[in-house]
Protein backbone atom coordinates (compact mmCIF):
# COMPACT_ATOMS: atom_id res chain seq x y z
CA MET A 1 60.20 -13.11 30.49
CA MET A 2 63.61 -13.62 30.22
CA GLY A 3 65.03 -16.83 30.91
CA ARG A 4 61.69 -19.11 30.77
CA ASP A 5 60.48 -20.74 27.21
CA LYS A 6 57.19 -21.55 28.76
CA ILE A 7 54.22 -18.59 29.68
CA SER A 8 52.33 -19.68 32.63
CA MET A 9 48.48 -19.35 33.11
CA ARG A 10 49.19 -16.31 35.08
CA GLU A 11 50.42 -14.79 32.41
CA LYS A 12 47.83 -15.53 29.60
CA LEU A 13 44.86 -15.64 32.37
CA ASP A 14 41.46 -15.38 30.01
CA ILE A 15 38.57 -14.97 32.54
CA SER A 16 36.04 -13.61 29.53
CA ALA A 17 33.86 -16.81 29.76
CA TYR A 18 34.38 -18.25 33.47
CA LEU A 19 32.70 -21.52 34.75
CA VAL A 20 31.80 -21.89 38.38
CA VAL A 21 30.60 -25.48 39.38
CA GLY A 22 30.27 -28.06 41.57
CA PRO A 23 27.98 -31.43 42.34
CA GLU A 24 25.18 -29.42 44.23
CA ASN A 25 24.44 -27.11 40.99
CA THR A 26 23.94 -29.62 38.35
CA LYS A 27 20.74 -31.18 38.78
CA GLY A 28 22.25 -34.80 39.23
CA MET A 29 23.95 -34.56 35.90
CA PRO A 30 27.95 -35.15 36.34
CA VAL A 31 30.00 -32.26 37.00
CA VAL A 32 32.77 -33.35 34.30
CA LYS A 33 30.11 -33.59 31.43
CA ILE A 34 28.85 -30.16 32.49
CA ILE A 35 32.71 -28.91 32.26
CA LYS A 36 33.28 -30.78 29.31
CA ASP A 37 30.49 -28.82 27.34
CA ALA A 38 31.54 -25.74 28.59
CA VAL A 39 35.39 -26.16 27.65
CA GLU A 40 34.33 -27.25 24.14
CA ALA A 41 31.95 -24.23 23.86
CA GLY A 42 34.93 -22.06 24.49
CA PHE A 43 34.75 -21.15 27.97
CA THR A 44 38.14 -20.12 29.27
CA CYS A 45 37.85 -20.73 32.72
CA VAL A 46 36.80 -23.49 35.41
CA GLN A 47 36.26 -22.69 39.27
CA ILE A 48 35.71 -25.86 40.96
CA ARG A 49 33.31 -24.82 44.04
CA SER A 50 32.00 -27.21 46.82
CA LYS A 51 30.78 -27.04 50.14
CA VAL A 52 29.33 -30.15 50.46
CA ILE A 53 31.67 -32.97 49.40
CA SER A 54 34.97 -33.91 51.20
CA ALA A 55 38.43 -32.79 50.32
CA ARG A 56 39.27 -36.31 48.70
CA GLU A 57 36.24 -36.08 46.50
CA LEU A 58 37.01 -32.34 45.57
CA ILE A 59 41.03 -33.53 44.50
CA GLU A 60 38.99 -36.54 42.50
CA LEU A 61 36.66 -33.86 40.84
CA THR A 62 39.73 -31.97 40.25
CA ARG A 63 41.66 -34.12 38.62
CA GLN A 64 38.74 -35.35 36.11
CA ALA A 65 38.28 -31.62 35.44
CA ALA A 66 42.00 -31.23 34.80
CA ASP A 67 41.59 -34.40 32.19
CA VAL A 68 38.66 -33.07 30.43
CA ILE A 69 40.43 -29.87 29.85
CA ALA A 70 43.67 -32.11 28.70
CA GLU A 71 41.48 -34.18 26.50
CA ALA A 72 39.83 -31.13 24.77
CA GLY A 73 43.58 -29.73 23.92
CA LYS A 74 43.07 -26.70 25.99
CA SER A 75 45.62 -27.46 29.42
CA ASP A 76 47.34 -24.08 28.08
CA GLU A 77 44.21 -21.96 27.38
CA VAL A 78 41.73 -22.68 29.72
CA ALA A 79 42.54 -21.88 33.53
CA LEU A 80 40.98 -24.48 36.05
CA LEU A 81 40.97 -23.22 39.54
CA VAL A 82 39.83 -24.29 42.74
CA ASN A 83 37.18 -22.20 45.31
CA ASP A 84 38.81 -21.33 48.76
CA ARG A 85 40.46 -24.78 49.65
CA LEU A 86 44.70 -24.22 49.37
CA ASP A 87 44.74 -27.79 51.08
CA VAL A 88 42.82 -29.26 48.11
CA VAL A 89 44.97 -27.31 45.43
CA LEU A 90 48.45 -28.28 47.00
CA ALA A 91 47.05 -32.20 47.57
CA ALA A 92 46.22 -32.13 43.97
CA ARG A 93 49.04 -30.59 42.52
CA LYS A 94 51.39 -33.34 44.73
CA GLN A 95 49.47 -36.39 43.03
CA GLY A 96 50.77 -34.67 39.66
CA ILE A 97 47.25 -33.08 38.75
CA LYS A 98 47.22 -29.65 36.91
CA VAL A 99 45.34 -26.85 39.09
CA ASP A 100 46.18 -23.34 37.72
CA GLY A 101 45.18 -21.73 41.12
CA ILE A 102 42.82 -20.64 43.60
CA HIS A 103 39.98 -18.09 43.99
CA VAL A 104 38.90 -16.81 47.64
CA GLY A 105 36.44 -14.61 49.46
CA GLN A 106 36.93 -11.88 51.91
CA GLU A 107 36.33 -14.73 54.84
CA ASP A 108 38.81 -17.30 53.06
CA ILE A 109 42.71 -17.71 53.47
CA GLN A 110 44.40 -14.51 52.81
CA VAL A 111 45.73 -14.26 49.39
CA GLU A 112 49.52 -13.73 50.93
CA VAL A 113 49.12 -17.16 51.95
CA CYS A 114 47.60 -18.59 48.84
CA ARG A 115 50.58 -16.69 47.26
CA GLU A 116 53.51 -17.91 49.07
CA TYR A 117 52.21 -21.47 48.92
CA LEU A 118 51.40 -21.69 45.38
CA GLY A 119 54.05 -19.49 43.83
CA GLU A 120 54.24 -16.69 41.44
CA ASP A 121 53.00 -18.44 38.46
CA SER A 122 49.65 -19.21 39.88
CA ILE A 123 46.24 -17.53 39.49
CA VAL A 124 44.72 -16.20 42.66
CA GLY A 125 41.59 -14.56 42.27
CA LEU A 126 39.58 -12.63 44.92
CA SER A 127 36.21 -11.71 45.48
CA ALA A 128 35.48 -8.18 45.47
CA ARG A 129 33.58 -7.15 48.98
CA THR A 130 30.05 -5.69 48.39
CA ASP A 131 30.17 -2.80 51.15
CA GLU A 132 32.36 -0.17 50.04
CA LEU A 133 33.22 -1.67 46.83
CA PHE A 134 34.65 1.38 44.96
CA GLU A 135 36.79 2.29 47.61
CA TYR A 136 38.00 -1.07 48.11
CA ILE A 137 39.13 -1.98 44.88
CA GLN A 138 40.98 1.20 44.85
CA THR A 139 42.58 0.52 48.34
CA VAL A 140 43.57 -3.16 48.61
CA ASP A 141 46.90 -4.32 47.74
CA ILE A 142 46.42 -6.03 44.50
CA SER A 143 50.40 -7.27 44.19
CA GLN A 144 49.23 -10.69 45.16
CA ILE A 145 45.76 -10.89 43.03
CA ASP A 146 44.79 -11.53 39.72
CA TYR A 147 41.51 -10.65 39.39
CA PHE A 148 38.33 -9.38 41.42
CA GLY A 149 35.19 -11.45 41.08
CA ALA A 150 32.37 -8.78 41.78
CA GLY A 151 28.71 -9.18 42.07
CA PRO A 152 25.71 -10.11 42.20
CA LEU A 153 24.33 -8.91 38.78
CA HIS A 154 20.77 -10.20 40.46
CA GLU A 155 20.04 -12.18 43.55
CA THR A 156 20.92 -15.79 43.34
CA MET A 157 19.89 -18.67 45.27
CA THR A 158 22.84 -20.46 44.19
CA LYS A 159 24.83 -18.10 46.63
CA PRO A 160 22.33 -16.50 48.35
CA ASP A 161 24.76 -14.72 50.78
CA CYS A 162 26.18 -13.34 47.93
CA GLY A 163 26.41 -9.34 47.90
CA LEU A 164 25.24 -8.83 51.44
CA SER A 165 26.07 -5.82 52.59
CA LYS A 166 26.43 -4.98 56.69
CA ASP A 167 23.15 -5.02 57.40
CA GLY A 168 22.30 -7.80 55.66
CA LYS A 169 20.50 -6.61 52.63
CA VAL A 170 21.52 -8.06 49.11
CA VAL A 171 23.59 -5.71 47.32
CA THR A 172 22.99 -6.23 43.48
CA ARG A 173 24.99 -3.98 40.84
CA SER A 174 23.73 -2.16 37.84
CA SER A 175 25.25 -1.31 34.40
CA ASP A 176 26.57 2.00 35.63
CA ASP A 177 28.12 0.11 38.76
CA ILE A 178 29.81 -2.56 36.47
CA PHE A 179 30.92 0.21 34.25
CA LYS A 180 32.39 2.16 37.14
CA LEU A 181 34.19 -1.07 38.43
CA ALA A 182 35.68 -1.77 35.18
CA LYS A 183 37.21 1.98 35.08
CA LEU A 184 38.09 2.27 38.38
CA SER A 185 39.43 -1.17 38.73
CA PRO A 186 43.43 -1.89 38.58
CA ILE A 187 43.29 -5.41 37.75
CA PRO A 188 40.75 -7.22 35.73
CA VAL A 189 37.35 -8.06 36.69
CA VAL A 190 34.70 -10.84 35.95
CA VAL A 191 31.46 -10.24 36.87
CA GLY A 192 28.30 -12.94 38.02
CA GLY A 193 25.58 -13.56 40.51
CA GLY A 194 22.43 -15.15 38.17
CA VAL A 195 23.89 -13.97 35.05
CA LYS A 196 21.58 -15.07 32.06
CA LEU A 197 21.99 -14.79 28.18
CA VAL A 198 19.82 -11.92 28.17
CA ASP A 199 22.51 -9.74 30.41
CA ILE A 200 25.02 -10.55 28.11
CA PRO A 201 25.06 -8.01 25.70
CA ASP A 202 24.85 -5.05 28.44
CA LEU A 203 27.58 -6.51 30.60
CA ALA A 204 29.83 -6.90 27.73
CA GLN A 205 29.56 -3.49 26.72
CA THR A 206 30.68 -2.20 30.55
CA GLY A 207 34.35 -2.70 30.03
CA VAL A 208 34.40 -5.71 32.30
CA ASP A 209 37.14 -8.86 31.64
CA GLY A 210 34.19 -11.38 31.64
CA PHE A 211 31.32 -12.64 33.03
CA PHE A 212 31.28 -15.88 35.44
CA VAL A 213 28.04 -18.31 35.43
CA VAL A 214 26.99 -21.37 37.63
CA THR A 215 23.57 -22.57 36.73
CA ALA A 216 23.11 -20.80 33.25
CA VAL A 217 25.07 -23.86 32.26
CA SER A 218 25.17 -26.19 34.58
CA GLU A 219 21.39 -26.63 34.87
CA ALA A 220 20.81 -25.59 31.92
CA ASP A 221 18.27 -28.83 29.37
CA ASN A 222 21.46 -28.60 26.98
CA PRO A 223 24.72 -27.13 29.14
CA LYS A 224 26.58 -27.35 25.82
CA PHE A 225 24.07 -25.10 23.83
CA ALA A 226 23.63 -22.99 26.80
CA ALA A 227 27.52 -22.45 26.99
CA THR A 228 27.81 -21.61 23.11
CA ALA A 229 25.27 -19.14 23.61
CA LEU A 230 26.89 -17.02 26.10
CA VAL A 231 29.91 -17.12 24.80
CA GLU A 232 28.98 -16.16 21.18
CA ALA A 233 27.30 -13.35 23.04
CA TRP A 234 30.26 -12.22 24.79
CA ASN A 235 32.29 -12.46 22.12
CA SER A 236 30.22 -10.47 19.70
CA PHE A 237 29.51 -7.42 21.73
CA SER A 238 32.42 -6.61 23.94
CA LYS A 239 33.88 -5.46 20.46
CA CYS A 240 30.95 -2.80 21.20
CA LYS A 241 32.28 -1.50 24.54
CA ARG A 242 31.01 1.92 25.58
């Protein structure tokens, strides 16, 4: 962009390998260790998500995540986001912590408000609603949104309400659904919800821009090995998009 020397994380956002993590998903292992392993393995985006810890604890966890990413020399490559908590993002930035943006759901704070407070260089991701998905992604105002998070691919205990339709049933997504989603969406799409290594070959060939995982890395016996396998599979099979 003219008049600017530095490209923002929003402009070079890479959601190909996206980790969502919080203390309730690590079987007692330090969250920062999971993040370190994932970043070193090649994950390109990290979202801090927790519904059980305080705002101050979330800010401290975000600080630790930013430090780990910086220590790996990837502050300009790996995006760090916080789920839902605009207050945490703002407070963290006030303390000098590098947070690149926020991810919100349909029932969270509006994306327009996030954009107003976080600025044009920040990343704002939005969970694509399950019911009327294909109509929604073609009609929602995407001017303030950088990517859609969609799913679930499978039912998942990490977020049991993920994919709930109006009648309370979980709607999972087939490969054909995801292929159609990738074709219709005017902005990048990352798909998750119970994603495992075995799912990556098919998912990578649908045309979506990435996968997101929680427990496939955070609860693995060897998180770095698991993260590396996921990244290598994605990189290998995404070259063979149908």
